[in-house]
Amino acid sequence: MGLSIRAYARHRGVSHSAVRKAIAAGRITPEADGTIEPGKADAEWSANTGAARGRGKSKATAGRGRTVKPVPEAALNAVRETLRESGESVAAGGTTFMQARTANEVLKAQTARVRLRRLKGELVDRARAAAHVFRLARDERDAWLNWPARVSALMAAELGADPHEMHATLENHVRDHLTELADVRPRLD
C-alpha cells in the first residue's frame, strides 16, 4: 500500500494538484488501489518530467495537448547578452529558466531607467539629433558658399585686385576646404 495523493505531494514538495496533473498526463502511475508507491513514482516523475521529457524538441507536446515550440536562437542570444551586461555568468550548455527570468527583469529595469531619463530630459532621440546635426552642417556649408560673394569685392578694393578674380579665387578655395570637411562624419554612439 502506497501514499495518498496529498501525502505523496508532501513527499515530493509539490502541490496535490501537480501530482494529479502528473497522473492525468501519464507521467506517474498510481497503484490499483489509487495510492502512489513513492519509489516507483519518483523514478517515473524524474524520467517523464522536465529535460528528460524532451523539452526543447521542435514540436514536443507538454500536458493538455499544448505544443511547445523551440525558443528562437535570437532570443537566447539576447538573454545571454543581457546576462553578460549585468555581470551574470552564462552557462555554456544553455540558458536556464531562472537566467532567462533574470535577463527579463534586468531588461525591464533598464527600460524603466531609459524612460525615466527621457522624461527628465537627460536623453535625446537619436534620429532627431542626427537630423539636427545635418541641418546645422548644411547651414554652415551654405554660409561658407555665400561668403566669397559678400566679401570678394571689399577684399579686392582693399588689395587693389580685380574683383572677379578675387571672387573666383576665394570661391575655389572655399569649395576645396568644404570638400575636405565633407569627409568628417559625426559619431552619434
Foldseek 3Di string as FASTA:
>chain_A
DAAALCVLCVVVVHHSVVSVQCCVVVLADDDPVRHRHNVRRVVSVVCCDDVNVPPQPAFRADGPRDTHHHDDPVLQVQLVVLCVVVVHDDDPVGADPVSSVVSVVSVVVVVVVVVVCVVVVNDDDLVVVVVVVVVVLVVVLVVLLCVLVVCLVVVCVVVVHDSVVSSVVSNVVSVVVVVVVVPDDDDDD
